[in-house]
Amino acid sequence: MNVELTRFKVKEGKSKIVDEWLLFLNENMKETLITLEKEKMYVETIFREVLNGDEYLYWYSVQGENGQEVEESEHWIDKKHLDYWEECIDKNFKPIDLSTEVVMIPENIKKSMI
């Protein structure tokens, strides 16, 4: 099981598009959740922060092994999600993976994830 928290920088001037992106995911949650099954994505959460005038998105995830990559998906939600990603995420900023130090998932929950 992989537990990750990664920070990505938003391109300057793309905050309104990020608003639209996150609204899109929230408004299409039923379909969005369907796409997570093939990825073996048990939990995926997006956080947003403005720090020193720069905007960042953080992805927190709990994912099983050998799931499908989102880029391999043919689902319309994933295609639209990747379009937003390309438009909003700054590729010149190296994503930062925060160090996982402690994972607290009760065994009964962990068993139902696998």
N, C-alpha and C. Protein backbone atom coordinates (compact mmCIF):
# COMPACT_ATOMS: atom_id res chain seq x y z
N MET A 1 0.84 -1.17 0.00
CA MET A 1 0.00 0.00 0.00
C MET A 1 0.89 1.24 0.00
N ASN A 2 0.58 2.19 -0.84
CA ASN A 2 1.34 3.44 -0.93
C ASN A 2 0.54 4.57 -0.31
N VAL A 3 1.16 5.30 0.61
CA VAL A 3 0.55 6.48 1.21
C VAL A 3 1.45 7.65 0.84
N GLU A 4 0.87 8.64 0.16
CA GLU A 4 1.69 9.75 -0.35
C GLU A 4 1.01 11.09 -0.12
N LEU A 5 1.84 12.10 0.01
CA LEU A 5 1.41 13.49 0.01
C LEU A 5 2.42 14.25 -0.85
N THR A 6 1.94 14.82 -1.94
CA THR A 6 2.82 15.48 -2.90
C THR A 6 2.30 16.89 -3.17
N ARG A 7 3.24 17.84 -3.24
CA ARG A 7 2.91 19.24 -3.52
C ARG A 7 3.26 19.58 -4.96
N PHE A 8 2.31 20.22 -5.65
CA PHE A 8 2.49 20.67 -7.02
C PHE A 8 2.20 22.17 -7.07
N LYS A 9 2.98 22.89 -7.85
CA LYS A 9 2.78 24.34 -8.00
C LYS A 9 1.81 24.61 -9.13
N VAL A 10 0.91 25.54 -8.88
CA VAL A 10 -0.05 25.98 -9.90
C VAL A 10 0.61 27.08 -10.74
N LYS A 11 0.41 27.02 -12.04
CA LYS A 11 0.92 28.07 -12.93
C LYS A 11 0.29 29.42 -12.55
N GLU A 12 1.10 30.47 -12.69
CA GLU A 12 0.59 31.81 -12.42
C GLU A 12 -0.61 32.11 -13.30
N GLY A 13 -1.61 32.76 -12.72
CA GLY A 13 -2.79 33.16 -13.47
C GLY A 13 -3.81 32.06 -13.70
N LYS A 14 -3.62 30.90 -13.09
CA LYS A 14 -4.52 29.77 -13.34
C LYS A 14 -5.46 29.46 -12.16
N SER A 15 -5.53 30.35 -11.18
CA SER A 15 -6.37 30.10 -10.00
C SER A 15 -7.84 29.91 -10.36
N LYS A 16 -8.35 30.70 -11.29
CA LYS A 16 -9.76 30.57 -11.69
C LYS A 16 -10.01 29.23 -12.37
N ILE A 17 -9.04 28.76 -13.14
CA ILE A 17 -9.17 27.45 -13.79
C ILE A 17 -9.10 26.34 -12.74
N VAL A 18 -8.27 26.53 -11.71
CA VAL A 18 -8.21 25.56 -10.61
C VAL A 18 -9.57 25.52 -9.90
N ASP A 19 -10.18 26.69 -9.68
CA ASP A 19 -11.53 26.73 -9.10
C ASP A 19 -12.48 25.85 -9.92
N GLU A 20 -12.43 26.04 -11.23
CA GLU A 20 -13.28 25.29 -12.16
C GLU A 20 -12.98 23.79 -12.08
N TRP A 21 -11.71 23.44 -12.03
CA TRP A 21 -11.26 22.04 -11.96
C TRP A 21 -11.80 21.35 -10.72
N LEU A 22 -11.61 21.99 -9.56
CA LEU A 22 -12.04 21.38 -8.32
C LEU A 22 -13.57 21.30 -8.24
N LEU A 23 -14.25 22.30 -8.77
CA LEU A 23 -15.71 22.27 -8.85
C LEU A 23 -16.16 21.12 -9.75
N PHE A 24 -15.47 20.94 -10.88
CA PHE A 24 -15.77 19.84 -11.79
C PHE A 24 -15.68 18.49 -11.08
N LEU A 25 -14.60 18.28 -10.32
CA LEU A 25 -14.44 17.02 -9.60
C LEU A 25 -15.55 16.84 -8.56
N ASN A 26 -15.85 17.90 -7.81
CA ASN A 26 -16.90 17.81 -6.79
C ASN A 26 -18.28 17.59 -7.39
N GLU A 27 -18.56 18.26 -8.49
CA GLU A 27 -19.88 18.12 -9.12
C GLU A 27 -20.06 16.77 -9.82
N ASN A 28 -18.96 16.11 -10.14
CA ASN A 28 -19.01 14.81 -10.81
C ASN A 28 -18.43 13.71 -9.92
N MET A 29 -18.67 13.82 -8.62
CA MET A 29 -18.05 12.91 -7.66
C MET A 29 -18.43 11.45 -7.90
N LYS A 30 -19.67 11.18 -8.24
CA LYS A 30 -20.08 9.79 -8.46
C LYS A 30 -19.22 9.15 -9.56
N GLU A 31 -19.06 9.83 -10.68
CA GLU A 31 -18.23 9.33 -11.78
C GLU A 31 -16.76 9.33 -11.41
N THR A 32 -16.34 10.34 -10.68
CA THR A 32 -14.94 10.43 -10.25
C THR A 32 -14.56 9.23 -9.38
N LEU A 33 -15.43 8.87 -8.46
CA LEU A 33 -15.16 7.73 -7.58
C LEU A 33 -15.07 6.43 -8.35
N ILE A 34 -15.84 6.30 -9.41
CA ILE A 34 -15.78 5.09 -10.25
C ILE A 34 -14.39 4.93 -10.85
N THR A 35 -13.78 6.04 -11.25
CA THR A 35 -12.46 5.96 -11.89
C THR A 35 -11.38 5.50 -10.92
N LEU A 36 -11.59 5.68 -9.63
CA LEU A 36 -10.57 5.33 -8.64
C LEU A 36 -10.41 3.82 -8.48
N GLU A 37 -11.45 3.06 -8.80
CA GLU A 37 -11.41 1.62 -8.60
C GLU A 37 -10.28 0.96 -9.39
N LYS A 38 -10.16 1.25 -10.68
CA LYS A 38 -9.10 0.64 -11.49
C LYS A 38 -7.71 1.08 -11.05
N GLU A 39 -7.63 2.26 -10.48
CA GLU A 39 -6.35 2.77 -9.99
C GLU A 39 -5.98 2.16 -8.64
N LYS A 40 -6.90 1.41 -8.05
CA LYS A 40 -6.75 0.90 -6.68
C LYS A 40 -6.47 2.05 -5.72
N MET A 41 -7.15 3.16 -5.99
CA MET A 41 -7.01 4.36 -5.17
C MET A 41 -8.07 4.30 -4.09
N TYR A 42 -7.65 4.07 -2.86
CA TYR A 42 -8.58 3.92 -1.75
C TYR A 42 -9.01 5.28 -1.20
N VAL A 43 -8.07 6.21 -1.16
CA VAL A 43 -8.34 7.57 -0.67
C VAL A 43 -7.55 8.52 -1.55
N GLU A 44 -8.21 9.56 -2.03
CA GLU A 44 -7.50 10.63 -2.75
C GLU A 44 -8.12 11.94 -2.32
N THR A 45 -7.29 12.83 -1.84
CA THR A 45 -7.75 14.12 -1.34
C THR A 45 -6.85 15.20 -1.92
N ILE A 46 -7.46 16.30 -2.34
CA ILE A 46 -6.70 17.42 -2.89
C ILE A 46 -6.81 18.59 -1.91
N PHE A 47 -5.68 19.13 -1.51
CA PHE A 47 -5.62 20.31 -0.65
C PHE A 47 -5.08 21.47 -1.48
N ARG A 48 -5.41 22.68 -1.06
CA ARG A 48 -4.98 23.88 -1.78
C ARG A 48 -4.39 24.87 -0.79
N GLU A 49 -3.31 25.53 -1.22
CA GLU A 49 -2.63 26.50 -0.34
C GLU A 49 -2.01 27.61 -1.17
N VAL A 50 -2.05 28.83 -0.62
CA VAL A 50 -1.28 29.94 -1.18
C VAL A 50 -0.20 30.25 -0.15
N LEU A 51 1.05 30.19 -0.59
CA LEU A 51 2.19 30.38 0.29
C LEU A 51 3.14 31.37 -0.36
N ASN A 52 3.38 32.49 0.31
CA ASN A 52 4.27 33.54 -0.22
C ASN A 52 3.86 33.97 -1.62
N GLY A 53 2.56 34.02 -1.87
CA GLY A 53 2.05 34.48 -3.16
C GLY A 53 1.97 33.41 -4.24
N ASP A 54 2.49 32.23 -3.98
CA ASP A 54 2.41 31.13 -4.94
C ASP A 54 1.33 30.15 -4.50
N GLU A 55 0.64 29.60 -5.48
CA GLU A 55 -0.44 28.65 -5.19
C GLU A 55 0.03 27.22 -5.41
N TYR A 56 -0.38 26.35 -4.51
CA TYR A 56 0.00 24.94 -4.57
C TYR A 56 -1.23 24.06 -4.39
N LEU A 57 -1.18 22.91 -5.03
CA LEU A 57 -2.15 21.85 -4.78
C LEU A 57 -1.38 20.67 -4.20
N TYR A 58 -1.95 20.04 -3.21
CA TYR A 58 -1.36 18.87 -2.56
C TYR A 58 -2.28 17.67 -2.81
N TRP A 59 -1.70 16.57 -3.22
CA TRP A 59 -2.46 15.33 -3.40
C TRP A 59 -2.06 14.38 -2.28
N TYR A 60 -3.05 13.99 -1.48
CA TYR A 60 -2.86 12.96 -0.46
C TYR A 60 -3.56 11.71 -0.97
N SER A 61 -2.87 10.58 -0.94
CA SER A 61 -3.49 9.36 -1.45
C SER A 61 -3.06 8.14 -0.66
N VAL A 62 -3.98 7.19 -0.63
CA VAL A 62 -3.73 5.85 -0.13
C VAL A 62 -4.12 4.93 -1.27
N GLN A 63 -3.13 4.23 -1.81
CA GLN A 63 -3.33 3.47 -3.04
C GLN A 63 -2.76 2.06 -2.90
N GLY A 64 -3.48 1.10 -3.45
CA GLY A 64 -3.00 -0.28 -3.49
C GLY A 64 -1.94 -0.46 -4.56
N GLU A 65 -1.35 -1.61 -4.57
CA GLU A 65 -0.29 -1.93 -5.53
C GLU A 65 -0.87 -2.27 -6.90
N ASN A 66 -0.13 -1.94 -7.94
CA ASN A 66 -0.43 -2.34 -9.33
C ASN A 66 -1.75 -1.81 -9.87
N GLY A 67 -2.12 -0.63 -9.46
CA GLY A 67 -3.32 -0.01 -10.01
C GLY A 67 -3.03 0.62 -11.37
N GLN A 68 -4.09 0.86 -12.12
CA GLN A 68 -3.97 1.50 -13.43
C GLN A 68 -3.53 2.96 -13.24
N GLU A 69 -2.64 3.42 -14.09
CA GLU A 69 -2.25 4.83 -14.07
C GLU A 69 -3.38 5.67 -14.66
N VAL A 70 -3.59 6.84 -14.11
CA VAL A 70 -4.67 7.71 -14.59
C VAL A 70 -4.48 8.03 -16.08
N GLU A 71 -3.24 8.10 -16.53
CA GLU A 71 -2.95 8.41 -17.93
C GLU A 71 -3.39 7.28 -18.87
N GLU A 72 -3.59 6.09 -18.35
CA GLU A 72 -4.02 4.94 -19.16
C GLU A 72 -5.54 4.84 -19.27
N SER A 73 -6.24 5.63 -18.48
CA SER A 73 -7.69 5.54 -18.42
C SER A 73 -8.35 6.12 -19.68
N GLU A 74 -9.43 5.49 -20.09
CA GLU A 74 -10.23 5.98 -21.21
C GLU A 74 -11.49 6.71 -20.72
N HIS A 75 -11.68 6.79 -19.41
CA HIS A 75 -12.87 7.41 -18.85
C HIS A 75 -12.85 8.92 -19.09
N TRP A 76 -14.00 9.48 -19.44
CA TRP A 76 -14.07 10.92 -19.75
C TRP A 76 -13.69 11.79 -18.56
N ILE A 77 -13.96 11.34 -17.34
CA ILE A 77 -13.58 12.13 -16.16
C ILE A 77 -12.06 12.26 -16.09
N ASP A 78 -11.36 11.14 -16.29
CA ASP A 78 -9.90 11.17 -16.23
C ASP A 78 -9.31 12.01 -17.35
N LYS A 79 -9.89 11.93 -18.53
CA LYS A 79 -9.39 12.74 -19.65
C LYS A 79 -9.53 14.23 -19.35
N LYS A 80 -10.69 14.62 -18.81
CA LYS A 80 -10.92 16.03 -18.46
C LYS A 80 -10.00 16.45 -17.30
N HIS A 81 -9.83 15.56 -16.33
CA HIS A 81 -8.94 15.81 -15.20
C HIS A 81 -7.51 16.08 -15.69
N LEU A 82 -7.04 15.26 -16.63
CA LEU A 82 -5.69 15.45 -17.17
C LEU A 82 -5.57 16.72 -18.01
N ASP A 83 -6.65 17.11 -18.68
CA ASP A 83 -6.66 18.38 -19.41
C ASP A 83 -6.45 19.55 -18.43
N TYR A 84 -7.19 19.51 -17.33
CA TYR A 84 -7.01 20.55 -16.30
C TYR A 84 -5.58 20.51 -15.75
N TRP A 85 -5.07 19.31 -15.50
CA TRP A 85 -3.70 19.15 -14.99
C TRP A 85 -2.71 19.85 -15.92
N GLU A 86 -2.79 19.56 -17.20
CA GLU A 86 -1.87 20.15 -18.18
C GLU A 86 -1.97 21.67 -18.19
N GLU A 87 -3.18 22.18 -18.04
CA GLU A 87 -3.37 23.62 -18.09
C GLU A 87 -2.90 24.33 -16.81
N CYS A 88 -3.01 23.66 -15.67
CA CYS A 88 -2.82 24.34 -14.39
C CYS A 88 -1.52 24.03 -13.65
N ILE A 89 -0.96 22.85 -13.82
CA ILE A 89 0.21 22.46 -13.02
C ILE A 89 1.50 22.90 -13.69
N ASP A 90 2.35 23.60 -12.94
CA ASP A 90 3.62 24.13 -13.43
C ASP A 90 4.65 23.01 -13.52
N LYS A 91 5.00 22.64 -14.74
CA LYS A 91 5.98 21.56 -14.95
C LYS A 91 7.42 22.00 -14.67
N ASN A 92 7.64 23.29 -14.54
CA ASN A 92 8.98 23.78 -14.22
C ASN A 92 9.29 23.66 -12.72
N PHE A 93 8.29 23.39 -11.92
CA PHE A 93 8.46 23.20 -10.48
C PHE A 93 8.46 21.70 -10.20
N LYS A 94 9.55 21.22 -9.64
CA LYS A 94 9.64 19.79 -9.33
C LYS A 94 8.68 19.47 -8.19
N PRO A 95 7.75 18.52 -8.40
CA PRO A 95 6.82 18.16 -7.32
C PRO A 95 7.60 17.71 -6.08
N ILE A 96 7.06 18.02 -4.93
CA ILE A 96 7.71 17.68 -3.68
C ILE A 96 6.89 16.60 -2.99
N ASP A 97 7.51 15.43 -2.79
CA ASP A 97 6.91 14.35 -2.03
C ASP A 97 7.30 14.53 -0.58
N LEU A 98 6.31 14.74 0.27
CA LEU A 98 6.59 14.84 1.70
C LEU A 98 6.90 13.45 2.23
N SER A 99 7.73 13.38 3.25
CA SER A 99 8.15 12.09 3.81
C SER A 99 7.03 11.49 4.66
N THR A 100 6.72 10.24 4.37
CA THR A 100 5.76 9.51 5.19
C THR A 100 6.49 8.98 6.42
N GLU A 101 6.05 9.38 7.57
CA GLU A 101 6.70 8.99 8.81
C GLU A 101 5.88 7.98 9.61
N VAL A 102 4.57 8.16 9.64
CA VAL A 102 3.69 7.28 10.40
C VAL A 102 2.40 7.12 9.60
N VAL A 103 1.97 5.88 9.44
CA VAL A 103 0.69 5.60 8.79
C VAL A 103 -0.20 4.91 9.83
N MET A 104 -1.33 5.52 10.11
CA MET A 104 -2.24 4.98 11.12
C MET A 104 -3.55 4.57 10.45
N ILE A 105 -3.64 3.31 10.10
CA ILE A 105 -4.85 2.75 9.53
C ILE A 105 -5.17 1.49 10.33
N PRO A 106 -6.29 1.46 11.02
CA PRO A 106 -6.64 0.26 11.78
C PRO A 106 -6.70 -0.97 10.88
N GLU A 107 -6.32 -2.11 11.42
CA GLU A 107 -6.25 -3.36 10.64
C GLU A 107 -7.57 -3.69 9.94
N ASN A 108 -8.70 -3.50 10.64
CA ASN A 108 -9.98 -3.83 10.02
C ASN A 108 -10.26 -2.95 8.79
N ILE A 109 -9.82 -1.72 8.82
CA ILE A 109 -9.98 -0.82 7.66
C ILE A 109 -9.00 -1.24 6.57
N LYS A 110 -7.76 -1.51 6.95
CA LYS A 110 -6.74 -1.93 6.00
C LYS A 110 -7.16 -3.20 5.26
N LYS A 111 -7.73 -4.17 5.96
CA LYS A 111 -8.16 -5.42 5.33
C LYS A 111 -9.26 -5.17 4.31
N SER A 112 -10.14 -4.24 4.58
CA SER A 112 -11.22 -3.96 3.63
C SER A 112 -10.71 -3.18 2.41
N MET A 113 -9.55 -2.55 2.52
CA MET A 113 -8.96 -1.83 1.40
C MET A 113 -8.30 -2.77 0.39
N ILE A 114 -7.72 -3.83 0.89
CA ILE A 114 -6.93 -4.71 0.04
C ILE A 114 -7.79 -5.68 -0.73
